[in-house]
Protein backbone atom coordinates (compact mmCIF):
# COMPACT_ATOMS: atom_id res chain seq x y z
CA MET A 1 153.22 95.49 76.72
CA ILE A 2 149.53 96.43 76.59
CA PRO A 3 148.52 97.92 73.28
CA ARG A 4 147.60 101.60 73.42
CA TYR A 5 144.07 101.08 72.02
CA GLN A 6 143.25 98.59 74.82
CA THR A 7 144.41 101.12 77.41
CA VAL A 8 142.15 103.75 75.85
CA ILE A 9 139.16 101.38 75.83
CA PHE A 10 139.81 100.45 79.47
CA VAL A 11 139.95 104.09 80.55
CA VAL A 12 136.76 104.92 78.62
CA LEU A 13 134.89 102.01 80.19
CA LEU A 14 136.15 102.93 83.64
CA VAL A 15 135.01 106.53 83.25
CA ALA A 16 131.63 105.40 81.86
CA SER A 17 131.15 103.06 84.83
CA VAL A 18 131.92 105.84 87.31
CA VAL A 19 129.56 108.26 85.54
CA MET A 20 126.74 105.67 85.45
CA GLY A 21 127.27 104.87 89.11
CA ILE A 22 127.00 108.55 90.04
CA ALA A 23 123.89 108.97 87.86
CA LEU A 24 122.17 105.94 89.40
CA TRP A 25 122.99 107.17 92.90
CA GLN A 26 121.49 110.58 92.12
CA LEU A 27 118.34 109.00 90.64
CA ARG A 28 117.94 106.86 93.74
CA GLU A 29 118.28 109.89 96.00
CA HIS A 30 115.73 111.86 93.96
CA ALA A 31 113.25 108.97 94.06
CA HIS A 32 113.73 108.66 97.80
CA GLN A 33 113.14 112.38 98.31
CA ARG A 34 109.96 112.28 96.22
CA LEU A 35 108.70 109.32 98.21
CA VAL A 36 109.37 111.05 101.52
CA ALA A 37 107.76 114.26 100.29
CA GLY A 38 104.69 112.34 99.12
CA GLN A 39 104.33 110.60 102.48
CA ASP A 40 104.69 113.86 104.36
CA SER A 41 102.15 115.72 102.22
CA ALA A 42 99.51 112.98 102.12
CA PRO A 43 96.95 113.53 104.89
CA THR A 44 96.47 110.66 107.27
CA GLN A 45 92.79 109.71 107.21
CA ALA A 46 90.97 106.88 108.86
CA PRO A 47 88.91 104.73 106.51
CA ALA A 48 85.32 105.87 106.15
CA VAL A 49 83.04 104.06 108.59
CA ALA A 50 79.27 104.31 108.49
CA PRO A 51 77.76 105.89 111.62
CA SER A 52 76.04 103.59 114.08
CA GLU A 53 72.26 103.59 114.12
CA GLN A 54 69.54 101.64 115.87
CA ALA A 55 68.45 98.70 113.74
CA THR A 56 65.33 96.63 114.40
CA LEU A 57 65.77 92.86 114.07
CA LEU A 58 62.94 90.36 114.11
CA VAL A 59 64.69 87.38 115.64
CA ALA A 60 63.22 83.89 115.33
CA ASN A 61 62.79 81.82 118.47
CA ASP A 62 62.35 78.07 118.02
CA ASN A 63 61.18 77.63 121.62
CA ASP A 64 57.77 79.15 120.91
CA SER A 65 57.90 79.64 117.12
CA SER A 66 57.83 83.41 117.51
CA LEU A 67 59.56 86.46 116.08
CA LEU A 68 60.94 88.70 118.82
CA THR A 69 61.87 92.34 118.25
CA GLN A 70 65.49 93.11 119.15
CA MET A 71 67.27 96.45 118.83
CA GLN A 72 70.92 96.52 117.77
CA SER A 73 73.31 99.44 117.29
CA LEU A 74 74.99 98.91 113.92
CA PRO A 75 77.09 100.91 111.43
CA LEU A 76 74.58 101.35 108.61
CA PRO A 77 75.51 102.73 105.18
CA GLU A 78 73.22 105.23 103.46
CA ASP A 79 72.69 103.17 100.29
CA SER A 80 69.79 100.76 100.52
CA GLY A 81 71.62 97.67 99.23
CA PRO A 82 74.60 97.77 101.64
CA ARG A 83 72.25 98.88 104.43
CA ALA A 84 70.04 95.85 103.88
CA ARG A 85 73.05 93.52 103.81
CA ALA A 86 74.38 95.00 107.07
CA VAL A 87 71.07 94.52 108.89
CA LEU A 88 70.39 91.04 107.55
CA GLY A 89 74.02 90.06 108.12
CA LYS A 90 73.65 90.88 111.80
CA LEU A 91 70.44 88.82 111.96
CA LEU A 92 72.17 85.79 110.45
CA ASP A 93 75.17 86.29 112.74
CA LEU A 94 72.78 85.93 115.67
CA TYR A 95 71.51 82.66 114.21
CA ALA A 96 75.06 81.39 113.75
CA ALA A 97 75.98 82.09 117.40
CA PRO A 98 76.49 79.03 119.66
CA ASP A 99 73.62 80.01 121.98
CA ALA A 100 71.12 80.92 119.26
CA ASN A 101 67.43 80.13 119.86
CA HIS A 102 67.15 79.59 116.10
CA PRO A 103 70.44 77.94 115.14
CA VAL A 104 71.33 78.30 111.47
CA PRO A 105 74.95 78.14 110.23
CA GLY A 106 76.42 80.67 107.84
CA GLY A 107 76.28 84.15 109.33
CA ALA A 108 76.53 87.43 107.46
CA SER A 109 78.43 85.98 104.50
CA SER A 110 75.34 83.96 103.59
CA ILE A 111 73.86 86.99 101.80
CA THR A 112 75.78 88.06 98.72
CA GLN A 113 73.46 90.76 97.39
CA VAL A 114 70.24 92.65 98.03
CA TYR A 115 68.73 94.75 95.28
CA PHE A 116 65.43 96.52 94.81
CA LEU A 117 62.74 96.74 92.14
CA PRO A 118 59.32 98.41 92.05
CA ALA A 119 56.87 96.25 93.98
CA LEU A 120 54.74 93.98 91.85
CA GLY A 121 51.59 95.84 90.85
CA SER A 122 53.21 99.26 91.30
CA GLU A 123 55.21 99.54 88.04
CA GLY A 124 52.90 102.28 86.84
CA ALA A 125 53.28 104.43 89.93
CA SER A 126 53.86 108.14 89.22
CA GLN A 127 56.82 108.26 91.63
CA PRO A 128 58.72 104.96 91.33
CA ASP A 129 61.64 106.29 93.41
CA SER A 130 59.41 106.71 96.44
CA GLY A 131 56.89 103.91 95.97
CA PRO A 132 56.77 100.40 97.46
CA GLN A 133 59.66 98.11 96.64
CA LEU A 134 60.32 94.46 95.97
CA ALA A 135 63.58 93.34 97.61
CA VAL A 136 65.48 90.50 95.94
CA ILE A 137 67.81 88.69 98.33
CA ASN A 138 70.55 86.47 96.92
CA LEU A 139 71.56 83.72 99.35
CA THR A 140 74.60 81.47 99.03
CA GLY A 141 74.25 77.83 98.16
CA ALA A 142 76.28 76.96 101.25
CA PHE A 143 73.73 78.67 103.52
CA VAL A 144 70.84 76.80 101.92
CA ALA A 145 72.68 73.48 101.98
CA SER A 146 73.41 73.78 105.71
CA HIS A 147 70.00 75.15 106.77
CA PRO A 148 68.09 72.78 109.09
CA SER A 149 65.18 71.13 107.31
CA GLY A 150 61.63 71.50 108.56
CA LEU A 151 58.61 73.60 107.67
CA GLU A 152 58.60 75.56 110.92
CA THR A 153 62.31 76.39 111.12
CA GLU A 154 62.52 77.31 107.43
CA THR A 155 59.43 79.49 107.64
CA LEU A 156 60.80 81.30 110.68
CA THR A 157 64.03 82.08 108.83
CA VAL A 158 62.20 83.44 105.80
CA LEU A 159 59.71 85.51 107.79
CA SER A 160 62.38 86.92 110.10
CA ILE A 161 64.39 88.07 107.07
CA CYS A 162 61.31 89.65 105.48
CA GLY A 163 60.21 91.36 108.69
CA THR A 164 63.70 92.65 109.52
CA LEU A 165 64.11 94.08 106.05
CA HIS A 166 60.79 95.95 106.23
CA ALA A 167 61.43 97.18 109.78
CA ASN A 168 64.56 98.99 108.59
CA LEU A 169 63.54 99.81 105.02
CA PRO A 170 59.81 100.53 105.28
CA ARG A 171 59.38 100.91 101.52
CA VAL A 172 60.04 97.20 101.14
CA THR A 173 56.64 95.51 100.97
CA GLN A 174 57.58 92.35 99.04
CA VAL A 175 60.54 89.98 99.13
CA ARG A 176 61.86 87.33 96.79
CA PHE A 177 64.77 84.95 97.26
CA LEU A 178 67.46 83.66 94.91
CA VAL A 179 70.19 81.12 95.64
CA ASP A 180 73.50 81.78 93.90
CA GLY A 181 71.59 83.99 91.49
CA GLN A 182 69.10 81.29 90.54
CA THR A 183 65.52 80.46 91.50
CA ARG A 184 65.34 77.51 93.88
CA PRO A 185 62.17 75.55 94.74
CA SER A 186 62.61 75.66 98.53
CA LEU A 187 64.96 76.66 101.31
CA ALA A 188 65.65 73.20 102.72
CA GLY A 189 62.76 71.20 101.31
CA HIS A 190 59.78 73.09 102.74
CA ALA A 191 59.71 76.92 102.65
CA ASP A 192 58.75 77.96 99.11
CA LEU A 193 61.40 80.18 97.47
CA THR A 194 59.56 80.53 94.16
CA ARG A 195 56.90 82.84 95.58
CA THR A 196 56.89 86.54 96.43
CA TYR A 197 56.55 87.11 100.17
CA LEU A 198 54.48 89.99 101.52
CA VAL A 199 56.21 91.53 104.52
CA ASP A 200 52.89 91.99 106.33
CA GLU A 201 52.88 88.22 106.82
CA ALA A 202 56.15 88.41 108.74
CA ILE A 203 55.49 91.24 111.19
CA PRO A 204 54.03 90.28 114.57
CA ALA A 205 51.62 92.78 116.08
CA GLU A 206 54.11 94.08 118.66
CA ALA A 207 56.72 94.75 115.94
CA ALA A 208 54.44 96.41 113.43
CA HIS A 209 55.24 100.00 112.40
């Protein structure tokens, strides 16, 4: 014979279990309805993509040690830093291609950051937001470590970067290079990375603006 108090406890627990089951089922249904409603009301939008523009690249050619002007249609952001990275990334992608006339491994990921300062000698300009700029380009250590050594090939890389930057951001008149955020003596043993480059040195006559 089951004691009466055990029967009462069993019935109470059974009722509580049924009530909790119903409550959980209702909560699940409400959560599902809110999720569906949120999905239906949220507008479907494509991710923002910068419009394509014509970019001017000064591409190095090892065959005759020249810089050749090449036009490319690229999605270019409005902000100067991302815009510079997009243009220079395309230039380095060309160098990383199997048929490149100036083969350099690495590609677009070789540039981690480009930022801008007032050009040296122009700090006292009355309109610093519209005056000449010094661009600081931060290269990866992997790019520098894999760059072919030689005065001519290193110089062509540096000058093509400087010239391409100025061709697309005309306010840039000077360029400096960092490697992993630090000053490095040279690119691959020859091209000096401690100096400030003047972009006029990098622009061939036919590419000058």
